[in-house]
Amino acid sequence: MAIAQLRHGPEGFGDIAPKTEAARVATMAQMMGDLVVVVGLVVRVMVGAVKVGREQRSAETDARDASAEPASGDPTS
């Protein structure tokens, strides 16, 4: 887990290296928090895109159904 976290932040490349155990824990917590924020944003964008797509599809289907319905004065209905 710690090795995977090292790849998500610049701390893993040696430019900033925490010296104490508490600093290492804080650094890992910050990296995990950043990862959660990024994943959360990606999920939010994807869910929004799906919602817009469903709304557009529903509007197209409703418009198609409305044009296919017979007129109210049509004797065949």
PDB file of N, CA and C in Angstrom:
ATOM      1  N   MET A   1       0.822  -1.184   0.000  1.00  0.00           N
ATOM      2  CA  MET A   1       0.000   0.000   0.000  1.00  0.00           C
ATOM      3  C   MET A   1       0.869   1.253   0.000  1.00  0.00           C
ATOM      4  N   ALA A   2       1.877   1.267   0.815  1.00  0.00           N
ATOM      5  CA  ALA A   2       2.746   2.441   0.892  1.00  0.00           C
ATOM      6  C   ALA A   2       3.488   2.659  -0.417  1.00  0.00           C
ATOM      7  N   ILE A   3       3.897   1.597  -1.062  1.00  0.00           N
ATOM      8  CA  ILE A   3       4.604   1.729  -2.346  1.00  0.00           C
ATOM      9  C   ILE A   3       3.664   2.284  -3.402  1.00  0.00           C
ATOM     10  N   ALA A   4       2.412   1.827  -3.417  1.00  0.00           N
ATOM     11  CA  ALA A   4       1.438   2.353  -4.372  1.00  0.00           C
ATOM     12  C   ALA A   4       1.187   3.829  -4.116  1.00  0.00           C
ATOM     13  N   GLN A   5       1.170   4.238  -2.866  1.00  0.00           N
ATOM     14  CA  GLN A   5       0.939   5.642  -2.536  1.00  0.00           C
ATOM     15  C   GLN A   5       2.108   6.516  -2.975  1.00  0.00           C
ATOM     16  N   LEU A   6       3.286   5.974  -2.966  1.00  0.00           N
ATOM     17  CA  LEU A   6       4.456   6.760  -3.344  1.00  0.00           C
ATOM     18  C   LEU A   6       4.377   7.235  -4.785  1.00  0.00           C
ATOM     19  N   ARG A   7       3.669   6.524  -5.615  1.00  0.00           N
ATOM     20  CA  ARG A   7       3.567   6.889  -7.022  1.00  0.00           C
ATOM     21  C   ARG A   7       2.563   8.015  -7.257  1.00  0.00           C
ATOM     22  N   HIS A   8       1.730   8.342  -6.257  1.00  0.00           N
ATOM     23  CA  HIS A   8       0.694   9.351  -6.435  1.00  0.00           C
ATOM     24  C   HIS A   8       1.118  10.750  -6.030  1.00  0.00           C
ATOM     25  N   GLY A   9       2.254  10.919  -5.456  1.00  0.00           N
ATOM     26  CA  GLY A   9       2.677  12.247  -5.020  1.00  0.00           C
ATOM     27  C   GLY A   9       4.158  12.440  -5.233  1.00  0.00           C
ATOM     28  N   PRO A  10       4.592  13.682  -5.240  1.00  0.00           N
ATOM     29  CA  PRO A  10       6.012  13.946  -5.461  1.00  0.00           C
ATOM     30  C   PRO A  10       6.875  13.492  -4.297  1.00  0.00           C
ATOM     31  N   GLU A  11       6.272  13.228  -3.143  1.00  0.00           N
ATOM     32  CA  GLU A  11       7.060  12.799  -1.995  1.00  0.00           C
ATOM     33  C   GLU A  11       7.786  11.483  -2.269  1.00  0.00           C
ATOM     34  N   GLY A  12       7.220  10.684  -3.151  1.00  0.00           N
ATOM     35  CA  GLY A  12       7.791   9.377  -3.441  1.00  0.00           C
ATOM     36  C   GLY A  12       9.047   9.427  -4.283  1.00  0.00           C
ATOM     37  N   PHE A  13       9.374  10.574  -4.814  1.00  0.00           N
ATOM     38  CA  PHE A  13      10.538  10.658  -5.684  1.00  0.00           C
ATOM     39  C   PHE A  13      11.752  11.266  -4.994  1.00  0.00           C
ATOM     40  N   GLY A  14      11.651  11.502  -3.697  1.00  0.00           N
ATOM     41  CA  GLY A  14      12.810  11.911  -2.931  1.00  0.00           C
ATOM     42  C   GLY A  14      13.021  13.399  -2.814  1.00  0.00           C
ATOM     43  N   ASP A  15      12.215  14.213  -3.458  1.00  0.00           N
ATOM     44  CA  ASP A  15      12.423  15.653  -3.347  1.00  0.00           C
ATOM     45  C   ASP A  15      11.970  16.172  -1.984  1.00  0.00           C
ATOM     46  N   ILE A  16      10.961  15.560  -1.406  1.00  0.00           N
ATOM     47  CA  ILE A  16      10.520  15.882  -0.047  1.00  0.00           C
ATOM     48  C   ILE A  16      10.382  14.555   0.675  1.00  0.00           C
ATOM     49  N   ALA A  17      11.151  14.344   1.706  1.00  0.00           N
ATOM     50  CA  ALA A  17      11.116  13.070   2.420  1.00  0.00           C
ATOM     51  C   ALA A  17      10.806  13.305   3.896  1.00  0.00           C
ATOM     52  N   PRO A  18       9.658  12.796   4.371  1.00  0.00           N
ATOM     53  CA  PRO A  18       9.357  12.930   5.788  1.00  0.00           C
ATOM     54  C   PRO A  18      10.354  12.135   6.629  1.00  0.00           C
ATOM     55  N   LYS A  19      10.782  12.722   7.731  1.00  0.00           N
ATOM     56  CA  LYS A  19      11.815  12.080   8.554  1.00  0.00           C
ATOM     57  C   LYS A  19      11.237  11.256   9.702  1.00  0.00           C
ATOM     58  N   THR A  20      10.153  11.719  10.298  1.00  0.00           N
ATOM     59  CA  THR A  20       9.590  11.012  11.454  1.00  0.00           C
ATOM     60  C   THR A  20       8.415  10.143  11.024  1.00  0.00           C
ATOM     61  N   GLU A  21       8.058   9.212  11.901  1.00  0.00           N
ATOM     62  CA  GLU A  21       6.929   8.316  11.618  1.00  0.00           C
ATOM     63  C   GLU A  21       5.630   9.112  11.487  1.00  0.00           C
ATOM     64  N   ALA A  22       5.451  10.107  12.358  1.00  0.00           N
ATOM     65  CA  ALA A  22       4.239  10.931  12.296  1.00  0.00           C
ATOM     66  C   ALA A  22       4.165  11.695  10.977  1.00  0.00           C
ATOM     67  N   ALA A  23       5.287  12.193  10.521  1.00  0.00           N
ATOM     68  CA  ALA A  23       5.314  12.912   9.249  1.00  0.00           C
ATOM     69  C   ALA A  23       5.007  11.965   8.090  1.00  0.00           C
ATOM     70  N   ARG A  24       5.499  10.735   8.163  1.00  0.00           N
ATOM     71  CA  ARG A  24       5.206   9.747   7.118  1.00  0.00           C
ATOM     72  C   ARG A  24       3.717   9.420   7.081  1.00  0.00           C
ATOM     73  N   VAL A  25       3.128   9.245   8.262  1.00  0.00           N
ATOM     74  CA  VAL A  25       1.691   8.956   8.339  1.00  0.00           C
ATOM     75  C   VAL A  25       0.889  10.131   7.786  1.00  0.00           C
ATOM     76  N   ALA A  26       1.272  11.346   8.151  1.00  0.00           N
ATOM     77  CA  ALA A  26       0.569  12.528   7.655  1.00  0.00           C
ATOM     78  C   ALA A  26       0.688  12.645   6.138  1.00  0.00           C
ATOM     79  N   THR A  27       1.862  12.344   5.613  1.00  0.00           N
ATOM     80  CA  THR A  27       2.079  12.400   4.174  1.00  0.00           C
ATOM     81  C   THR A  27       1.231  11.356   3.459  1.00  0.00           C
ATOM     82  N   MET A  28       1.198  10.146   3.994  1.00  0.00           N
ATOM     83  CA  MET A  28       0.379   9.093   3.387  1.00  0.00           C
ATOM     84  C   MET A  28      -1.103   9.459   3.452  1.00  0.00           C
ATOM     85  N   ALA A  29      -1.537  10.045   4.560  1.00  0.00           N
ATOM     86  CA  ALA A  29      -2.940  10.454   4.702  1.00  0.00           C
ATOM     87  C   ALA A  29      -3.284  11.536   3.681  1.00  0.00           C
ATOM     88  N   GLN A  30      -2.378  12.469   3.482  1.00  0.00           N
ATOM     89  CA  GLN A  30      -2.618  13.529   2.506  1.00  0.00           C
ATOM     90  C   GLN A  30      -2.705  12.953   1.093  1.00  0.00           C
ATOM     91  N   MET A  31      -1.819  12.041   0.754  1.00  0.00           N
ATOM     92  CA  MET A  31      -1.849  11.441  -0.575  1.00  0.00           C
ATOM     93  C   MET A  31      -3.135  10.651  -0.794  1.00  0.00           C
ATOM     94  N   MET A  32      -3.560   9.911   0.226  1.00  0.00           N
ATOM     95  CA  MET A  32      -4.813   9.153   0.104  1.00  0.00           C
ATOM     96  C   MET A  32      -5.999  10.107  -0.022  1.00  0.00           C
ATOM     97  N   GLY A  33      -5.986  11.192   0.741  1.00  0.00           N
ATOM     98  CA  GLY A  33      -7.051  12.184   0.632  1.00  0.00           C
ATOM     99  C   GLY A  33      -7.109  12.804  -0.750  1.00  0.00           C
ATOM    100  N   ASP A  34      -5.953  13.129  -1.302  1.00  0.00           N
ATOM    101  CA  ASP A  34      -5.900  13.669  -2.657  1.00  0.00           C
ATOM    102  C   ASP A  34      -6.445  12.664  -3.670  1.00  0.00           C
ATOM    103  N   LEU A  35      -6.095  11.406  -3.482  1.00  0.00           N
ATOM    104  CA  LEU A  35      -6.575  10.369  -4.386  1.00  0.00           C
ATOM    105  C   LEU A  35      -8.090  10.239  -4.299  1.00  0.00           C
ATOM    106  N   VAL A  36      -8.636  10.307  -3.092  1.00  0.00           N
ATOM    107  CA  VAL A  36     -10.087  10.228  -2.916  1.00  0.00           C
ATOM    108  C   VAL A  36     -10.767  11.407  -3.610  1.00  0.00           C
ATOM    109  N   VAL A  37     -10.193  12.595  -3.489  1.00  0.00           N
ATOM    110  CA  VAL A  37     -10.768  13.773  -4.138  1.00  0.00           C
ATOM    111  C   VAL A  37     -10.759  13.606  -5.652  1.00  0.00           C
ATOM    112  N   VAL A  38      -9.652  13.162  -6.203  1.00  0.00           N
ATOM    113  CA  VAL A  38      -9.549  12.995  -7.652  1.00  0.00           C
ATOM    114  C   VAL A  38     -10.529  11.938  -8.141  1.00  0.00           C
ATOM    115  N   VAL A  39     -10.582  10.799  -7.474  1.00  0.00           N
ATOM    116  CA  VAL A  39     -11.512   9.739  -7.871  1.00  0.00           C
ATOM    117  C   VAL A  39     -12.947  10.241  -7.729  1.00  0.00           C
ATOM    118  N   GLY A  40     -13.235  10.978  -6.659  1.00  0.00           N
ATOM    119  CA  GLY A  40     -14.573  11.533  -6.469  1.00  0.00           C
ATOM    120  C   GLY A  40     -14.973  12.471  -7.592  1.00  0.00           C
ATOM    121  N   LEU A  41     -14.053  13.314  -8.031  1.00  0.00           N
ATOM    122  CA  LEU A  41     -14.342  14.221  -9.143  1.00  0.00           C
ATOM    123  C   LEU A  41     -14.587  13.459 -10.440  1.00  0.00           C
ATOM    124  N   VAL A  42     -13.781  12.451 -10.697  1.00  0.00           N
ATOM    125  CA  VAL A  42     -13.962  11.644 -11.906  1.00  0.00           C
ATOM    126  C   VAL A  42     -15.324  10.959 -11.887  1.00  0.00           C
ATOM    127  N   VAL A  43     -15.688  10.376 -10.756  1.00  0.00           N
ATOM    128  CA  VAL A  43     -16.985   9.699 -10.642  1.00  0.00           C
ATOM    129  C   VAL A  43     -18.112  10.704 -10.826  1.00  0.00           C
ATOM    130  N   ARG A  44     -17.972  11.881 -10.232  1.00  0.00           N
ATOM    131  CA  ARG A  44     -19.027  12.900 -10.362  1.00  0.00           C
ATOM    132  C   ARG A  44     -19.214  13.319 -11.813  1.00  0.00           C
ATOM    133  N   VAL A  45     -18.127  13.511 -12.538  1.00  0.00           N
ATOM    134  CA  VAL A  45     -18.218  13.880 -13.958  1.00  0.00           C
ATOM    135  C   VAL A  45     -18.871  12.758 -14.757  1.00  0.00           C
ATOM    136  N   MET A  46     -18.495  11.520 -14.482  1.00  0.00           N
ATOM    137  CA  MET A  46     -19.066  10.393 -15.219  1.00  0.00           C
ATOM    138  C   MET A  46     -20.560  10.247 -14.935  1.00  0.00           C
ATOM    139  N   VAL A  47     -20.965  10.377 -13.673  1.00  0.00           N
ATOM    140  CA  VAL A  47     -22.386  10.267 -13.321  1.00  0.00           C
ATOM    141  C   VAL A  47     -23.167  11.401 -13.981  1.00  0.00           C
ATOM    142  N   GLY A  48     -22.611  12.594 -13.996  1.00  0.00           N
ATOM    143  CA  GLY A  48     -23.271  13.718 -14.658  1.00  0.00           C
ATOM    144  C   GLY A  48     -23.440  13.481 -16.148  1.00  0.00           C
ATOM    145  N   ALA A  49     -22.425  12.921 -16.788  1.00  0.00           N
ATOM    146  CA  ALA A  49     -22.503  12.633 -18.216  1.00  0.00           C
ATOM    147  C   ALA A  49     -23.573  11.578 -18.504  1.00  0.00           C
ATOM    148  N   VAL A  50     -23.655  10.572 -17.663  1.00  0.00           N
ATOM    149  CA  VAL A  50     -24.685   9.547 -17.836  1.00  0.00           C
ATOM    150  C   VAL A  50     -26.075  10.154 -17.662  1.00  0.00           C
ATOM    151  N   LYS A  51     -26.227  11.023 -16.681  1.00  0.00           N
ATOM    152  CA  LYS A  51     -27.518  11.667 -16.434  1.00  0.00           C
ATOM    153  C   LYS A  51     -27.945  12.501 -17.638  1.00  0.00           C
ATOM    154  N   VAL A  52     -27.031  13.289 -18.186  1.00  0.00           N
ATOM    155  CA  VAL A  52     -27.341  14.109 -19.359  1.00  0.00           C
ATOM    156  C   VAL A  52     -27.703  13.215 -20.547  1.00  0.00           C
ATOM    157  N   GLY A  53     -26.961  12.155 -20.738  1.00  0.00           N
ATOM    158  CA  GLY A  53     -27.251  11.234 -21.837  1.00  0.00           C
ATOM    159  C   GLY A  53     -28.621  10.594 -21.701  1.00  0.00           C
ATOM    160  N   ARG A  54     -28.983  10.191 -20.483  1.00  0.00           N
ATOM    161  CA  ARG A  54     -30.303   9.598 -20.263  1.00  0.00           C
ATOM    162  C   ARG A  54     -31.411  10.615 -20.508  1.00  0.00           C
ATOM    163  N   GLU A  55     -31.206  11.860 -20.068  1.00  0.00           N
ATOM    164  CA  GLU A  55     -32.209  12.902 -20.293  1.00  0.00           C
ATOM    165  C   GLU A  55     -32.389  13.163 -21.784  1.00  0.00           C
ATOM    166  N   GLN A  56     -31.292  13.214 -22.527  1.00  0.00           N
ATOM    167  CA  GLN A  56     -31.385  13.435 -23.970  1.00  0.00           C
ATOM    168  C   GLN A  56     -32.093  12.271 -24.656  1.00  0.00           C
ATOM    169  N   ARG A  57     -31.758  11.059 -24.256  1.00  0.00           N
ATOM    170  CA  ARG A  57     -32.398   9.888 -24.851  1.00  0.00           C
ATOM    171  C   ARG A  57     -33.893   9.877 -24.540  1.00  0.00           C
ATOM    172  N   SER A  58     -34.252  10.236 -23.309  1.00  0.00           N
ATOM    173  CA  SER A  58     -35.657  10.280 -22.914  1.00  0.00           C
ATOM    174  C   SER A  58     -36.406  11.332 -23.718  1.00  0.00           C
ATOM    175  N   ALA A  59     -35.796  12.507 -23.907  1.00  0.00           N
ATOM    176  CA  ALA A  59     -36.432  13.574 -24.684  1.00  0.00           C
ATOM    177  C   ALA A  59     -36.623  13.143 -26.133  1.00  0.00           C
ATOM    178  N   GLU A  60     -35.647  12.463 -26.709  1.00  0.00           N
ATOM    179  CA  GLU A  60     -35.766  11.986 -28.094  1.00  0.00           C
ATOM    180  C   GLU A  60     -36.869  10.945 -28.199  1.00  0.00           C
ATOM    181  N   THR A  61     -36.941  10.042 -27.236  1.00  0.00           N
ATOM    182  CA  THR A  61     -37.967   9.000 -27.241  1.00  0.00           C
ATOM    183  C   THR A  61     -39.351   9.622 -27.084  1.00  0.00           C
ATOM    184  N   ASP A  62     -39.486  10.592 -26.189  1.00  0.00           N
ATOM    185  CA  ASP A  62     -40.769  11.269 -25.990  1.00  0.00           C
ATOM    186  C   ASP A  62     -41.196  11.991 -27.262  1.00  0.00           C
ATOM    187  N   ALA A  63     -40.270  12.668 -27.922  1.00  0.00           N
ATOM    188  CA  ALA A  63     -40.589  13.387 -29.156  1.00  0.00           C
ATOM    189  C   ALA A  63     -40.995  12.409 -30.253  1.00  0.00           C
ATOM    190  N   ARG A  64     -40.310  11.281 -30.337  1.00  0.00           N
ATOM    191  CA  ARG A  64     -40.634  10.270 -31.340  1.00  0.00           C
ATOM    192  C   ARG A  64     -42.018   9.676 -31.079  1.00  0.00           C
ATOM    193  N   ASP A  65     -42.311   9.392 -29.813  1.00  0.00           N
ATOM    194  CA  ASP A  65     -43.613   8.826 -29.446  1.00  0.00           C
ATOM    195  C   ASP A  65     -44.736   9.826 -29.715  1.00  0.00           C
ATOM    196  N   ALA A  66     -44.482  11.102 -29.446  1.00  0.00           N
ATOM    197  CA  ALA A  66     -45.508  12.126 -29.659  1.00  0.00           C
ATOM    198  C   ALA A  66     -45.816  12.283 -31.143  1.00  0.00           C
ATOM    199  N   SER A  67     -44.820  12.162 -32.001  1.00  0.00           N
ATOM    200  CA  SER A  67     -45.055  12.310 -33.444  1.00  0.00           C
ATOM    201  C   SER A  67     -45.705  11.061 -34.015  1.00  0.00           C
ATOM    202  N   ALA A  68     -45.603   9.929 -33.354  1.00  0.00           N
ATOM    203  CA  ALA A  68     -46.187   8.689 -33.866  1.00  0.00           C
ATOM    204  C   ALA A  68     -47.629   8.497 -33.395  1.00  0.00           C
ATOM    205  N   GLU A  69     -48.102   9.262 -32.409  1.00  0.00           N
ATOM    206  CA  GLU A  69     -49.472   9.110 -31.905  1.00  0.00           C
ATOM    207  C   GLU A  69     -50.456   9.704 -32.917  1.00  0.00           C
ATOM    208  N   PRO A  70     -51.593   9.033 -33.088  1.00  0.00           N
ATOM    209  CA  PRO A  70     -52.600   9.587 -34.013  1.00  0.00           C
ATOM    210  C   PRO A  70     -53.250  10.832 -33.419  1.00  0.00           C
ATOM    211  N   ALA A  71     -53.767  11.672 -34.274  1.00  0.00           N
ATOM    212  CA  ALA A  71     -54.431  12.892 -33.821  1.00  0.00           C
ATOM    213  C   ALA A  71     -55.675  12.542 -33.032  1.00  0.00           C
ATOM    214  N   SER A  72     -56.108  13.425 -32.122  1.00  0.00           N
ATOM    215  CA  SER A  72     -57.245  13.127 -31.249  1.00  0.00           C
ATOM    216  C   SER A  72     -58.543  13.025 -32.026  1.00  0.00           C
ATOM    217  N   GLY A  73     -58.649  13.682 -33.178  1.00  0.00           N
ATOM    218  CA  GLY A  73     -59.881  13.621 -33.977  1.00  0.00           C
ATOM    219  C   GLY A  73     -59.852  12.489 -34.989  1.00  0.00           C
ATOM    220  N   ASP A  74     -58.869  11.644 -34.970  1.00  0.00           N
ATOM    221  CA  ASP A  74     -58.735  10.549 -35.926  1.00  0.00           C
ATOM    222  C   ASP A  74     -59.754   9.458 -35.613  1.00  0.00           C
ATOM    223  N   PRO A  75     -60.620   9.093 -36.553  1.00  0.00           N
ATOM    224  CA  PRO A  75     -61.643   8.083 -36.292  1.00  0.00           C
ATOM    225  C   PRO A  75     -61.080   6.670 -36.092  1.00  0.00           C
ATOM    226  N   THR A  76     -59.820   6.427 -36.468  1.00  0.00           N
ATOM    227  CA  THR A  76     -59.264   5.081 -36.327  1.00  0.00           C
ATOM    228  C   THR A  76     -58.737   4.811 -34.946  1.00  0.00           C
ATOM    229  N   SER A  77     -58.723   5.807 -34.070  1.00  0.00           N
ATOM    230  CA  SER A  77     -58.171   5.592 -32.734  1.00  0.00           C
ATOM    231  C   SER A  77     -59.182   5.089 -31.761  1.00  0.00           C
TER     232      SER A  77
END
